[in-house]
Amino acid sequence: SIYLYFHVIIHTALSLIFLWDIQLWWIAALVGLSHFVIDAAKLSF
């Protein structure tokens, strides 16, 4: 589903916007990556 990837991108972008600090980009990336892994596991099982 393409919406899974849209969903992850939205989470990553929102995290970065709310943090409002470009130096914390890795946190937004971690949130997005973990969200994808968790959602993928949920959808699979």
PDB file of all heavy atoms in Angstrom:
ATOM      1  N   SER A   1       0.829  -1.196   0.000  1.00  0.00           N
ATOM      2  CA  SER A   1       0.000   0.000   0.000  1.00  0.00           C
ATOM      3  C   SER A   1       0.868   1.252   0.000  1.00  0.00           C
ATOM      4  O   SER A   1       1.733   1.427   0.866  1.00  0.00           O
ATOM      5  CB  SER A   1      -0.907   0.015   1.237  1.00  0.00           C
ATOM      6  OG  SER A   1      -1.588   1.237   1.339  1.00  0.00           O
ATOM      7  N   ILE A   2       0.621   2.136  -0.926  1.00  0.00           N
ATOM      8  CA  ILE A   2       1.384   3.379  -1.010  1.00  0.00           C
ATOM      9  C   ILE A   2       1.078   4.289   0.177  1.00  0.00           C
ATOM     10  O   ILE A   2       1.912   5.113   0.590  1.00  0.00           O
ATOM     11  CB  ILE A   2       1.084   4.102  -2.341  1.00  0.00           C
ATOM     12  CG1 ILE A   2       2.081   5.244  -2.560  1.00  0.00           C
ATOM     13  CG2 ILE A   2      -0.357   4.627  -2.354  1.00  0.00           C
ATOM     14  CD1 ILE A   2       1.966   5.900  -3.919  1.00  0.00           C
ATOM     15  N   TYR A   3      -0.107   4.102   0.777  1.00  0.00           N
ATOM     16  CA  TYR A   3      -0.493   4.952   1.905  1.00  0.00           C
ATOM     17  C   TYR A   3       0.320   4.641   3.162  1.00  0.00           C
ATOM     18  O   TYR A   3       0.430   5.498   4.038  1.00  0.00           O
ATOM     19  CB  TYR A   3      -1.988   4.809   2.188  1.00  0.00           C
ATOM     20  CG  TYR A   3      -2.840   5.308   1.048  1.00  0.00           C
ATOM     21  CD1 TYR A   3      -3.635   4.446   0.310  1.00  0.00           C
ATOM     22  CD2 TYR A   3      -2.824   6.660   0.693  1.00  0.00           C
ATOM     23  CE1 TYR A   3      -4.406   4.909  -0.749  1.00  0.00           C
ATOM     24  CE2 TYR A   3      -3.589   7.131  -0.368  1.00  0.00           C
ATOM     25  CZ  TYR A   3      -4.375   6.250  -1.079  1.00  0.00           C
ATOM     26  OH  TYR A   3      -5.127   6.723  -2.133  1.00  0.00           O
ATOM     27  N   LEU A   4       0.877   3.458   3.247  1.00  0.00           N
ATOM     28  CA  LEU A   4       1.768   3.142   4.359  1.00  0.00           C
ATOM     29  C   LEU A   4       2.976   4.070   4.338  1.00  0.00           C
ATOM     30  O   LEU A   4       3.387   4.605   5.377  1.00  0.00           O
ATOM     31  CB  LEU A   4       2.214   1.672   4.283  1.00  0.00           C
ATOM     32  CG  LEU A   4       3.335   1.259   5.257  1.00  0.00           C
ATOM     33  CD1 LEU A   4       2.888   1.434   6.702  1.00  0.00           C
ATOM     34  CD2 LEU A   4       3.742  -0.192   4.994  1.00  0.00           C
ATOM     35  N   TYR A   5       3.514   4.294   3.165  1.00  0.00           N
ATOM     36  CA  TYR A   5       4.705   5.133   3.019  1.00  0.00           C
ATOM     37  C   TYR A   5       4.353   6.621   3.148  1.00  0.00           C
ATOM     38  O   TYR A   5       5.144   7.401   3.702  1.00  0.00           O
ATOM     39  CB  TYR A   5       5.389   4.807   1.695  1.00  0.00           C
ATOM     40  CG  TYR A   5       5.716   3.333   1.600  1.00  0.00           C
ATOM     41  CD1 TYR A   5       4.848   2.443   0.941  1.00  0.00           C
ATOM     42  CD2 TYR A   5       6.842   2.809   2.227  1.00  0.00           C
ATOM     43  CE1 TYR A   5       5.120   1.078   0.899  1.00  0.00           C
ATOM     44  CE2 TYR A   5       7.124   1.449   2.184  1.00  0.00           C
ATOM     45  CZ  TYR A   5       6.260   0.593   1.519  1.00  0.00           C
ATOM     46  OH  TYR A   5       6.528  -0.755   1.489  1.00  0.00           O
ATOM     47  N   PHE A   6       3.176   6.998   2.667  1.00  0.00           N
ATOM     48  CA  PHE A   6       2.699   8.361   2.897  1.00  0.00           C
ATOM     49  C   PHE A   6       2.568   8.618   4.399  1.00  0.00           C
ATOM     50  O   PHE A   6       2.941   9.685   4.906  1.00  0.00           O
ATOM     51  CB  PHE A   6       1.343   8.587   2.222  1.00  0.00           C
ATOM     52  CG  PHE A   6       1.415   8.750   0.728  1.00  0.00           C
ATOM     53  CD1 PHE A   6       0.260   8.694  -0.046  1.00  0.00           C
ATOM     54  CD2 PHE A   6       2.624   8.961   0.083  1.00  0.00           C
ATOM     55  CE1 PHE A   6       0.314   8.845  -1.419  1.00  0.00           C
ATOM     56  CE2 PHE A   6       2.694   9.120  -1.299  1.00  0.00           C
ATOM     57  CZ  PHE A   6       1.538   9.055  -2.047  1.00  0.00           C
ATOM     58  N   HIS A   7       2.019   7.628   5.089  1.00  0.00           N
ATOM     59  CA  HIS A   7       1.791   7.719   6.526  1.00  0.00           C
ATOM     60  C   HIS A   7       3.118   7.910   7.274  1.00  0.00           C
ATOM     61  O   HIS A   7       3.218   8.752   8.174  1.00  0.00           O
ATOM     62  CB  HIS A   7       1.092   6.440   6.987  1.00  0.00           C
ATOM     63  CG  HIS A   7       0.764   6.410   8.446  1.00  0.00           C
ATOM     64  ND1 HIS A   7      -0.045   7.338   9.059  1.00  0.00           N
ATOM     65  CD2 HIS A   7       1.153   5.542   9.430  1.00  0.00           C
ATOM     66  CE1 HIS A   7      -0.161   7.043  10.347  1.00  0.00           C
ATOM     67  NE2 HIS A   7       0.560   5.968  10.591  1.00  0.00           N
ATOM     68  N   VAL A   8       4.131   7.163   6.892  1.00  0.00           N
ATOM     69  CA  VAL A   8       5.448   7.270   7.535  1.00  0.00           C
ATOM     70  C   VAL A   8       6.075   8.635   7.248  1.00  0.00           C
ATOM     71  O   VAL A   8       6.659   9.261   8.145  1.00  0.00           O
ATOM     72  CB  VAL A   8       6.372   6.131   7.047  1.00  0.00           C
ATOM     73  CG1 VAL A   8       7.805   6.360   7.531  1.00  0.00           C
ATOM     74  CG2 VAL A   8       5.864   4.781   7.542  1.00  0.00           C
ATOM     75  N   ILE A   9       5.963   9.100   6.019  1.00  0.00           N
ATOM     76  CA  ILE A   9       6.513  10.419   5.649  1.00  0.00           C
ATOM     77  C   ILE A   9       5.834  11.522   6.460  1.00  0.00           C
ATOM     78  O   ILE A   9       6.504  12.455   6.947  1.00  0.00           O
ATOM     79  CB  ILE A   9       6.331  10.672   4.141  1.00  0.00           C
ATOM     80  CG1 ILE A   9       7.241   9.730   3.341  1.00  0.00           C
ATOM     81  CG2 ILE A   9       6.648  12.124   3.793  1.00  0.00           C
ATOM     82  CD1 ILE A   9       6.984   9.759   1.844  1.00  0.00           C
ATOM     83  N   ILE A  10       4.515  11.421   6.634  1.00  0.00           N
ATOM     84  CA  ILE A  10       3.781  12.419   7.417  1.00  0.00           C
ATOM     85  C   ILE A  10       4.264  12.430   8.861  1.00  0.00           C
ATOM     86  O   ILE A  10       4.484  13.494   9.458  1.00  0.00           O
ATOM     87  CB  ILE A  10       2.270  12.146   7.344  1.00  0.00           C
ATOM     88  CG1 ILE A  10       1.743  12.506   5.948  1.00  0.00           C
ATOM     89  CG2 ILE A  10       1.515  12.939   8.412  1.00  0.00           C
ATOM     90  CD1 ILE A  10       0.296  12.133   5.724  1.00  0.00           C
ATOM     91  N   HIS A  11       4.458  11.249   9.445  1.00  0.00           N
ATOM     92  CA  HIS A  11       4.946  11.158  10.822  1.00  0.00           C
ATOM     93  C   HIS A  11       6.330  11.784  10.958  1.00  0.00           C
ATOM     94  O   HIS A  11       6.603  12.516  11.923  1.00  0.00           O
ATOM     95  CB  HIS A  11       4.992   9.696  11.275  1.00  0.00           C
ATOM     96  CG  HIS A  11       3.760   9.268  12.008  1.00  0.00           C
ATOM     97  ND1 HIS A  11       3.500   9.622  13.316  1.00  0.00           N
ATOM     98  CD2 HIS A  11       2.699   8.536  11.612  1.00  0.00           C
ATOM     99  CE1 HIS A  11       2.344   9.113  13.693  1.00  0.00           C
ATOM    100  NE2 HIS A  11       1.836   8.449  12.675  1.00  0.00           N
ATOM    101  N   THR A  12       7.212  11.486   9.998  1.00  0.00           N
ATOM    102  CA  THR A  12       8.565  12.039  10.038  1.00  0.00           C
ATOM    103  C   THR A  12       8.531  13.553   9.940  1.00  0.00           C
ATOM    104  O   THR A  12       9.203  14.264  10.702  1.00  0.00           O
ATOM    105  CB  THR A  12       9.408  11.456   8.882  1.00  0.00           C
ATOM    106  OG1 THR A  12       9.374  10.021   8.949  1.00  0.00           O
ATOM    107  CG2 THR A  12      10.853  11.924   8.990  1.00  0.00           C
ATOM    108  N   ALA A  13       7.725  14.068   9.013  1.00  0.00           N
ATOM    109  CA  ALA A  13       7.619  15.512   8.815  1.00  0.00           C
ATOM    110  C   ALA A  13       7.017  16.202  10.041  1.00  0.00           C
ATOM    111  O   ALA A  13       7.509  17.254  10.482  1.00  0.00           O
ATOM    112  CB  ALA A  13       6.771  15.807   7.579  1.00  0.00           C
ATOM    113  N   LEU A  14       5.966  15.630  10.604  1.00  0.00           N
ATOM    114  CA  LEU A  14       5.340  16.211  11.787  1.00  0.00           C
ATOM    115  C   LEU A  14       6.302  16.246  12.973  1.00  0.00           C
ATOM    116  O   LEU A  14       6.344  17.241  13.714  1.00  0.00           O
ATOM    117  CB  LEU A  14       4.079  15.425  12.160  1.00  0.00           C
ATOM    118  CG  LEU A  14       2.839  15.649  11.302  1.00  0.00           C
ATOM    119  CD1 LEU A  14       1.747  14.657  11.682  1.00  0.00           C
ATOM    120  CD2 LEU A  14       2.320  17.079  11.455  1.00  0.00           C
ATOM    121  N   SER A  15       7.071  15.177  13.143  1.00  0.00           N
ATOM    122  CA  SER A  15       8.046  15.129  14.241  1.00  0.00           C
ATOM    123  C   SER A  15       9.072  16.246  14.091  1.00  0.00           C
ATOM    124  O   SER A  15       9.416  16.930  15.061  1.00  0.00           O
ATOM    125  CB  SER A  15       8.749  13.769  14.266  1.00  0.00           C
ATOM    126  OG  SER A  15       7.819  12.729  14.503  1.00  0.00           O
ATOM    127  N   LEU A  16       9.547  16.448  12.877  1.00  0.00           N
ATOM    128  CA  LEU A  16      10.538  17.487  12.621  1.00  0.00           C
ATOM    129  C   LEU A  16       9.936  18.876  12.832  1.00  0.00           C
ATOM    130  O   LEU A  16      10.581  19.768  13.400  1.00  0.00           O
ATOM    131  CB  LEU A  16      11.081  17.357  11.197  1.00  0.00           C
ATOM    132  CG  LEU A  16      12.316  18.204  10.846  1.00  0.00           C
ATOM    133  CD1 LEU A  16      13.473  17.882  11.779  1.00  0.00           C
ATOM    134  CD2 LEU A  16      12.727  17.955   9.400  1.00  0.00           C
ATOM    135  N   ILE A  17       8.695  19.056  12.406  1.00  0.00           N
ATOM    136  CA  ILE A  17       8.028  20.353  12.572  1.00  0.00           C
ATOM    137  C   ILE A  17       7.816  20.674  14.049  1.00  0.00           C
ATOM    138  O   ILE A  17       8.087  21.797  14.501  1.00  0.00           O
ATOM    139  CB  ILE A  17       6.683  20.367  11.819  1.00  0.00           C
ATOM    140  CG1 ILE A  17       6.926  20.349  10.304  1.00  0.00           C
ATOM    141  CG2 ILE A  17       5.847  21.584  12.207  1.00  0.00           C
ATOM    142  CD1 ILE A  17       5.672  20.125   9.484  1.00  0.00           C
ATOM    143  N   PHE A  18       7.337  19.705  14.814  1.00  0.00           N
ATOM    144  CA  PHE A  18       7.077  19.955  16.228  1.00  0.00           C
ATOM    145  C   PHE A  18       8.365  20.147  17.024  1.00  0.00           C
ATOM    146  O   PHE A  18       8.402  20.931  17.978  1.00  0.00           O
ATOM    147  CB  PHE A  18       6.252  18.809  16.832  1.00  0.00           C
ATOM    148  CG  PHE A  18       4.770  18.989  16.664  1.00  0.00           C
ATOM    149  CD1 PHE A  18       4.118  18.482  15.549  1.00  0.00           C
ATOM    150  CD2 PHE A  18       4.023  19.673  17.600  1.00  0.00           C
ATOM    151  CE1 PHE A  18       2.755  18.653  15.374  1.00  0.00           C
ATOM    152  CE2 PHE A  18       2.659  19.852  17.437  1.00  0.00           C
ATOM    153  CZ  PHE A  18       2.024  19.334  16.318  1.00  0.00           C
ATOM    154  N   LEU A  19       9.416  19.440  16.664  1.00  0.00           N
ATOM    155  CA  LEU A  19      10.704  19.623  17.348  1.00  0.00           C
ATOM    156  C   LEU A  19      11.298  20.994  17.007  1.00  0.00           C
ATOM    157  O   LEU A  19      11.952  21.617  17.840  1.00  0.00           O
ATOM    158  CB  LEU A  19      11.671  18.512  16.942  1.00  0.00           C
ATOM    159  CG  LEU A  19      11.336  17.115  17.464  1.00  0.00           C
ATOM    160  CD1 LEU A  19      12.246  16.070  16.823  1.00  0.00           C
ATOM    161  CD2 LEU A  19      11.462  17.056  18.981  1.00  0.00           C
ATOM    162  N   TRP A  20      11.099  21.425  15.755  1.00  0.00           N
ATOM    163  CA  TRP A  20      11.528  22.752  15.281  1.00  0.00           C
ATOM    164  C   TRP A  20      13.018  22.990  15.569  1.00  0.00           C
ATOM    165  O   TRP A  20      13.429  24.050  16.043  1.00  0.00           O
ATOM    166  CB  TRP A  20      10.676  23.842  15.918  1.00  0.00           C
ATOM    167  CG  TRP A  20      10.649  25.101  15.107  1.00  0.00           C
ATOM    168  CD1 TRP A  20      11.214  26.302  15.423  1.00  0.00           C
ATOM    169  CD2 TRP A  20      10.020  25.285  13.828  1.00  0.00           C
ATOM    170  NE1 TRP A  20      10.984  27.227  14.432  1.00  0.00           N
ATOM    171  CE2 TRP A  20      10.245  26.626  13.430  1.00  0.00           C
ATOM    172  CE3 TRP A  20       9.294  24.441  12.986  1.00  0.00           C
ATOM    173  CZ2 TRP A  20       9.771  27.142  12.233  1.00  0.00           C
ATOM    174  CZ3 TRP A  20       8.832  24.951  11.786  1.00  0.00           C
ATOM    175  CH2 TRP A  20       9.069  26.281  11.424  1.00  0.00           C
ATOM    176  N   ASP A  21      13.822  21.991  15.302  1.00  0.00           N
ATOM    177  CA  ASP A  21      15.275  22.094  15.482  1.00  0.00           C
ATOM    178  C   ASP A  21      15.923  21.146  14.479  1.00  0.00           C
ATOM    179  O   ASP A  21      15.848  19.925  14.629  1.00  0.00           O
ATOM    180  CB  ASP A  21      15.665  21.720  16.910  1.00  0.00           C
ATOM    181  CG  ASP A  21      17.143  21.970  17.196  1.00  0.00           C
ATOM    182  OD1 ASP A  21      17.924  22.178  16.237  1.00  0.00           O
ATOM    183  OD2 ASP A  21      17.528  21.951  18.387  1.00  0.00           O
ATOM    184  N   ILE A  22      16.570  21.708  13.456  1.00  0.00           N
ATOM    185  CA  ILE A  22      17.137  20.887  12.395  1.00  0.00           C
ATOM    186  C   ILE A  22      18.218  19.951  12.918  1.00  0.00           C
ATOM    187  O   ILE A  22      18.481  18.897  12.334  1.00  0.00           O
ATOM    188  CB  ILE A  22      17.710  21.790  11.267  1.00  0.00           C
ATOM    189  CG1 ILE A  22      17.952  20.970   9.999  1.00  0.00           C
ATOM    190  CG2 ILE A  22      18.962  22.506  11.745  1.00  0.00           C
ATOM    191  CD1 ILE A  22      16.730  20.359   9.401  1.00  0.00           C
ATOM    192  N   GLN A  23      18.842  20.301  14.059  1.00  0.00           N
ATOM    193  CA  GLN A  23      19.868  19.437  14.640  1.00  0.00           C
ATOM    194  C   GLN A  23      19.284  18.140  15.204  1.00  0.00           C
ATOM    195  O   GLN A  23      20.026  17.188  15.451  1.00  0.00           O
ATOM    196  CB  GLN A  23      20.630  20.191  15.729  1.00  0.00           C
ATOM    197  CG  GLN A  23      21.453  21.373  15.209  1.00  0.00           C
ATOM    198  CD  GLN A  23      22.232  22.060  16.310  1.00  0.00           C
ATOM    199  OE1 GLN A  23      22.013  21.818  17.496  1.00  0.00           O
ATOM    200  NE2 GLN A  23      23.154  22.926  15.917  1.00  0.00           N
ATOM    201  N   LEU A  24      17.971  18.143  15.407  1.00  0.00           N
ATOM    202  CA  LEU A  24      17.302  16.939  15.919  1.00  0.00           C
ATOM    203  C   LEU A  24      16.651  16.134  14.792  1.00  0.00           C
ATOM    204  O   LEU A  24      15.746  15.346  15.027  1.00  0.00           O
ATOM    205  CB  LEU A  24      16.231  17.336  16.954  1.00  0.00           C
ATOM    206  CG  LEU A  24      16.731  18.068  18.201  1.00  0.00           C
ATOM    207  CD1 LEU A  24      15.567  18.430  19.111  1.00  0.00           C
ATOM    208  CD2 LEU A  24      17.753  17.211  18.965  1.00  0.00           C
ATOM    209  N   TRP A  25      17.172  16.300  13.573  1.00  0.00           N
ATOM    210  CA  TRP A  25      16.610  15.597  12.420  1.00  0.00           C
ATOM    211  C   TRP A  25      16.651  14.086  12.614  1.00  0.00           C
ATOM    212  O   TRP A  25      15.777  13.363  12.122  1.00  0.00           O
ATOM    213  CB  TRP A  25      17.391  15.960  11.152  1.00  0.00           C
ATOM    214  CG  TRP A  25      18.837  15.490  11.186  1.00  0.00           C
ATOM    215  CD1 TRP A  25      19.911  16.201  11.612  1.00  0.00           C
ATOM    216  CD2 TRP A  25      19.320  14.198  10.796  1.00  0.00           C
ATOM    217  NE1 TRP A  25      21.059  15.444  11.524  1.00  0.00           N
ATOM    218  CE2 TRP A  25      20.723  14.204  11.018  1.00  0.00           C
ATOM    219  CE3 TRP A  25      18.732  13.054  10.278  1.00  0.00           C
ATOM    220  CZ2 TRP A  25      21.527  13.103  10.746  1.00  0.00           C
ATOM    221  CZ3 TRP A  25      19.532  11.949  10.014  1.00  0.00           C
ATOM    222  CH2 TRP A  25      20.910  11.978  10.235  1.00  0.00           C
ATOM    223  N   TRP A  26      17.690  13.623  13.335  1.00  0.00           N
ATOM    224  CA  TRP A  26      17.838  12.178  13.521  1.00  0.00           C
ATOM    225  C   TRP A  26      16.698  11.599  14.370  1.00  0.00           C
ATOM    226  O   TRP A  26      16.327  10.432  14.211  1.00  0.00           O
ATOM    227  CB  TRP A  26      19.193  11.866  14.166  1.00  0.00           C
ATOM    228  CG  TRP A  26      19.335  12.368  15.576  1.00  0.00           C
ATOM    229  CD1 TRP A  26      19.778  13.590  15.980  1.00  0.00           C
ATOM    230  CD2 TRP A  26      19.014  11.638  16.768  1.00  0.00           C
ATOM    231  NE1 TRP A  26      19.757  13.681  17.351  1.00  0.00           N
ATOM    232  CE2 TRP A  26      19.296  12.494  17.856  1.00  0.00           C
ATOM    233  CE3 TRP A  26      18.524  10.354  17.017  1.00  0.00           C
ATOM    234  CZ2 TRP A  26      19.103  12.105  19.182  1.00  0.00           C
ATOM    235  CZ3 TRP A  26      18.327   9.960  18.330  1.00  0.00           C
ATOM    236  CH2 TRP A  26      18.623  10.835  19.404  1.00  0.00           C
ATOM    237  N   ILE A  27      16.118  12.423  15.262  1.00  0.00           N
ATOM    238  CA  ILE A  27      14.979  11.961  16.061  1.00  0.00           C
ATOM    239  C   ILE A  27      13.773  11.746  15.153  1.00  0.00           C
ATOM    240  O   ILE A  27      13.068  10.732  15.250  1.00  0.00           O
ATOM    241  CB  ILE A  27      14.651  12.970  17.175  1.00  0.00           C
ATOM    242  CG1 ILE A  27      15.776  13.000  18.210  1.00  0.00           C
ATOM    243  CG2 ILE A  27      13.318  12.616  17.841  1.00  0.00           C
ATOM    244  CD1 ILE A  27      15.520  13.963  19.357  1.00  0.00           C
ATOM    245  N   ALA A  28      13.520  12.716  14.260  1.00  0.00           N
ATOM    246  CA  ALA A  28      12.411  12.578  13.317  1.00  0.00           C
ATOM    247  C   ALA A  28      12.608  11.356  12.428  1.00  0.00           C
ATOM    248  O   ALA A  28      11.657  10.610  12.148  1.00  0.00           O
ATOM    249  CB  ALA A  28      12.286  13.846  12.474  1.00  0.00           C
ATOM    250  N   ALA A  29      13.853  11.143  11.994  1.00  0.00           N
ATOM    251  CA  ALA A  29      14.149   9.982  11.148  1.00  0.00           C
ATOM    252  C   ALA A  29      13.931   8.682  11.924  1.00  0.00           C
ATOM    253  O   ALA A  29      13.393   7.702  11.381  1.00  0.00           O
ATOM    254  CB  ALA A  29      15.585  10.058  10.639  1.00  0.00           C
ATOM    255  N   LEU A  30      14.337   8.672  13.188  1.00  0.00           N
ATOM    256  CA  LEU A  30      14.159   7.480  14.028  1.00  0.00           C
ATOM    257  C   LEU A  30      12.683   7.192  14.260  1.00  0.00           C
ATOM    258  O   LEU A  30      12.247   6.033  14.215  1.00  0.00           O
ATOM    259  CB  LEU A  30      14.877   7.672  15.364  1.00  0.00           C
ATOM    260  CG  LEU A  30      14.770   6.520  16.376  1.00  0.00           C
ATOM    261  CD1 LEU A  30      15.330   5.233  15.789  1.00  0.00           C
ATOM    262  CD2 LEU A  30      15.493   6.885  17.667  1.00  0.00           C
ATOM    263  N   VAL A  31      11.914   8.253  14.513  1.00  0.00           N
ATOM    264  CA  VAL A  31      10.464   8.086  14.703  1.00  0.00           C
ATOM    265  C   VAL A  31       9.832   7.508  13.444  1.00  0.00           C
ATOM    266  O   VAL A  31       9.018   6.580  13.501  1.00  0.00           O
ATOM    267  CB  VAL A  31       9.808   9.434  15.077  1.00  0.00           C
ATOM    268  CG1 VAL A  31       8.284   9.326  14.994  1.00  0.00           C
ATOM    269  CG2 VAL A  31      10.220   9.858  16.471  1.00  0.00           C
ATOM    270  N   GLY A  32      10.213   8.051  12.276  1.00  0.00           N
ATOM    271  CA  GLY A  32       9.660   7.563  11.019  1.00  0.00           C
ATOM    272  C   GLY A  32      10.033   6.121  10.741  1.00  0.00           C
ATOM    273  O   GLY A  32       9.179   5.310  10.352  1.00  0.00           O
ATOM    274  N   LEU A  33      11.312   5.780  10.960  1.00  0.00           N
ATOM    275  CA  LEU A  33      11.772   4.412  10.714  1.00  0.00           C
ATOM    276  C   LEU A  33      11.095   3.422  11.654  1.00  0.00           C
ATOM    277  O   LEU A  33      10.623   2.359  11.225  1.00  0.00           O
ATOM    278  CB  LEU A  33      13.292   4.334  10.881  1.00  0.00           C
ATOM    279  CG  LEU A  33      13.931   2.953  10.700  1.00  0.00           C
ATOM    280  CD1 LEU A  33      13.676   2.434   9.289  1.00  0.00           C
ATOM    281  CD2 LEU A  33      15.442   3.012  10.984  1.00  0.00           C
ATOM    282  N   SER A  34      11.047   3.762  12.940  1.00  0.00           N
ATOM    283  CA  SER A  34      10.406   2.871  13.912  1.00  0.00           C
ATOM    284  C   SER A  34       8.922   2.722  13.615  1.00  0.00           C
ATOM    285  O   SER A  34       8.344   1.637  13.789  1.00  0.00           O
ATOM    286  CB  SER A  34      10.622   3.389  15.334  1.00  0.00           C
ATOM    287  OG  SER A  34       9.964   4.634  15.529  1.00  0.00           O
ATOM    288  N   HIS A  35       8.308   3.803  13.147  1.00  0.00           N
ATOM    289  CA  HIS A  35       6.887   3.744  12.824  1.00  0.00           C
ATOM    290  C   HIS A  35       6.643   2.779  11.668  1.00  0.00           C
ATOM    291  O   HIS A  35       5.668   2.012  11.682  1.00  0.00           O
ATOM    292  CB  HIS A  35       6.367   5.138  12.463  1.00  0.00           C
ATOM    293  CG  HIS A  35       4.915   5.312  12.750  1.00  0.00           C
ATOM    294  ND1 HIS A  35       4.419   5.882  13.909  1.00  0.00           N
ATOM    295  CD2 HIS A  35       3.815   4.965  12.030  1.00  0.00           C
ATOM    296  CE1 HIS A  35       3.111   5.881  13.879  1.00  0.00           C
ATOM    297  NE2 HIS A  35       2.709   5.326  12.751  1.00  0.00           N
ATOM    298  N   PHE A  36       7.517   2.824  10.690  1.00  0.00           N
ATOM    299  CA  PHE A  36       7.378   1.911   9.555  1.00  0.00           C
ATOM    300  C   PHE A  36       7.527   0.454  10.004  1.00  0.00           C
ATOM    301  O   PHE A  36       6.729  -0.412   9.616  1.00  0.00           O
ATOM    302  CB  PHE A  36       8.429   2.220   8.489  1.00  0.00           C
ATOM    303  CG  PHE A  36       8.461   1.205   7.374  1.00  0.00           C
ATOM    304  CD1 PHE A  36       7.497   1.208   6.388  1.00  0.00           C
ATOM    305  CD2 PHE A  36       9.458   0.230   7.340  1.00  0.00           C
ATOM    306  CE1 PHE A  36       7.505   0.257   5.371  1.00  0.00           C
ATOM    307  CE2 PHE A  36       9.482  -0.721   6.335  1.00  0.00           C
ATOM    308  CZ  PHE A  36       8.506  -0.704   5.343  1.00  0.00           C
ATOM    309  N   VAL A  37       8.533   0.177  10.827  1.00  0.00           N
ATOM    310  CA  VAL A  37       8.783  -1.193  11.291  1.00  0.00           C
ATOM    311  C   VAL A  37       7.595  -1.709  12.106  1.00  0.00           C
ATOM    312  O   VAL A  37       7.115  -2.838  11.895  1.00  0.00           O
ATOM    313  CB  VAL A  37      10.076  -1.252  12.128  1.00  0.00           C
ATOM    314  CG1 VAL A  37      10.236  -2.628  12.767  1.00  0.00           C
ATOM    315  CG2 VAL A  37      11.287  -0.928  11.257  1.00  0.00           C
ATOM    316  N   ILE A  38       7.098  -0.888  13.028  1.00  0.00           N
ATOM    317  CA  ILE A  38       5.983  -1.300  13.890  1.00  0.00           C
ATOM    318  C   ILE A  38       4.711  -1.503  13.070  1.00  0.00           C
ATOM    319  O   ILE A  38       3.997  -2.505  13.231  1.00  0.00           O
ATOM    320  CB  ILE A  38       5.756  -0.262  15.002  1.00  0.00           C
ATOM    321  CG1 ILE A  38       6.955  -0.234  15.959  1.00  0.00           C
ATOM    322  CG2 ILE A  38       4.478  -0.580  15.781  1.00  0.00           C
ATOM    323  CD1 ILE A  38       6.938   0.933  16.923  1.00  0.00           C
ATOM    324  N   ASP A  39       4.411  -0.559  12.179  1.00  0.00           N
ATOM    325  CA  ASP A  39       3.210  -0.688  11.347  1.00  0.00           C
ATOM    326  C   ASP A  39       3.303  -1.870  10.384  1.00  0.00           C
ATOM    327  O   ASP A  39       2.304  -2.555  10.123  1.00  0.00           O
ATOM    328  CB  ASP A  39       2.979   0.597  10.551  1.00  0.00           C
ATOM    329  CG  ASP A  39       2.272   1.667  11.379  1.00  0.00           C
ATOM    330  OD1 ASP A  39       2.283   1.538  12.619  1.00  0.00           O
ATOM    331  OD2 ASP A  39       1.721   2.616  10.795  1.00  0.00           O
ATOM    332  N   ALA A  40       4.511  -2.108   9.857  1.00  0.00           N
ATOM    333  CA  ALA A  40       4.706  -3.246   8.956  1.00  0.00           C
ATOM    334  C   ALA A  40       4.458  -4.561   9.680  1.00  0.00           C
ATOM    335  O   ALA A  40       3.831  -5.482   9.141  1.00  0.00           O
ATOM    336  CB  ALA A  40       6.115  -3.218   8.369  1.00  0.00           C
ATOM    337  N   ALA A  41       4.948  -4.657  10.920  1.00  0.00           N
ATOM    338  CA  ALA A  41       4.721  -5.864  11.723  1.00  0.00           C
ATOM    339  C   ALA A  41       3.238  -6.047  12.020  1.00  0.00           C
ATOM    340  O   ALA A  41       2.693  -7.156  11.932  1.00  0.00           O
ATOM    341  CB  ALA A  41       5.518  -5.777  13.019  1.00  0.00           C
ATOM    342  N   LYS A  42       2.578  -4.948  12.354  1.00  0.00           N
ATOM    343  CA  LYS A  42       1.144  -5.013  12.638  1.00  0.00           C
ATOM    344  C   LYS A  42       0.361  -5.488  11.418  1.00  0.00           C
ATOM    345  O   LYS A  42      -0.499  -6.379  11.518  1.00  0.00           O
ATOM    346  CB  LYS A  42       0.649  -3.633  13.076  1.00  0.00           C
ATOM    347  CG  LYS A  42      -0.865  -3.545  13.263  1.00  0.00           C
ATOM    348  CD  LYS A  42      -1.285  -2.107  13.501  1.00  0.00           C
ATOM    349  CE  LYS A  42      -2.795  -1.982  13.543  1.00  0.00           C
ATOM    350  NZ  LYS A  42      -3.226  -0.568  13.679  1.00  0.00           N
ATOM    351  N   LEU A  43       0.653  -4.919  10.253  1.00  0.00           N
ATOM    352  CA  LEU A  43      -0.062  -5.292   9.033  1.00  0.00           C
ATOM    353  C   LEU A  43       0.216  -6.735   8.634  1.00  0.00           C
ATOM    354  O   LEU A  43      -0.646  -7.418   8.079  1.00  0.00           O
ATOM    355  CB  LEU A  43       0.337  -4.350   7.889  1.00  0.00           C
ATOM    356  CG  LEU A  43      -0.114  -2.891   8.034  1.00  0.00           C
ATOM    357  CD1 LEU A  43       0.508  -2.035   6.947  1.00  0.00           C
ATOM    358  CD2 LEU A  43      -1.634  -2.789   7.980  1.00  0.00           C
ATOM    359  N   SER A  44       1.419  -7.214   8.909  1.00  0.00           N
ATOM    360  CA  SER A  44       1.815  -8.567   8.513  1.00  0.00           C
ATOM    361  C   SER A  44       1.180  -9.641   9.386  1.00  0.00           C
ATOM    362  O   SER A  44       0.861 -10.733   8.902  1.00  0.00           O
ATOM    363  CB  SER A  44       3.336  -8.699   8.555  1.00  0.00           C
ATOM    364  OG  SER A  44       3.950  -7.794   7.657  1.00  0.00           O
ATOM    365  N   PHE A  45       1.016  -9.344  10.676  1.00  0.00           N
ATOM    366  CA  PHE A  45       0.558 -10.377  11.619  1.00  0.00           C
ATOM    367  C   PHE A  45      -0.862 -10.158  12.137  1.00  0.00           C
ATOM    368  O   PHE A  45      -1.399 -11.015  12.816  1.00  0.00           O
ATOM    369  CB  PHE A  45       1.524 -10.455  12.803  1.00  0.00           C
ATOM    370  CG  PHE A  45       2.925 -10.831  12.412  1.00  0.00           C
ATOM    371  CD1 PHE A  45       3.936  -9.892  12.422  1.00  0.00           C
ATOM    372  CD2 PHE A  45       3.235 -12.129  12.009  1.00  0.00           C
ATOM    373  CE1 PHE A  45       5.238 -10.224  12.047  1.00  0.00           C
ATOM    374  CE2 PHE A  45       4.521 -12.479  11.638  1.00  0.00           C
ATOM    375  CZ  PHE A  45       5.526 -11.523  11.654  1.00  0.00           C
TER     376      PHE A  45
END
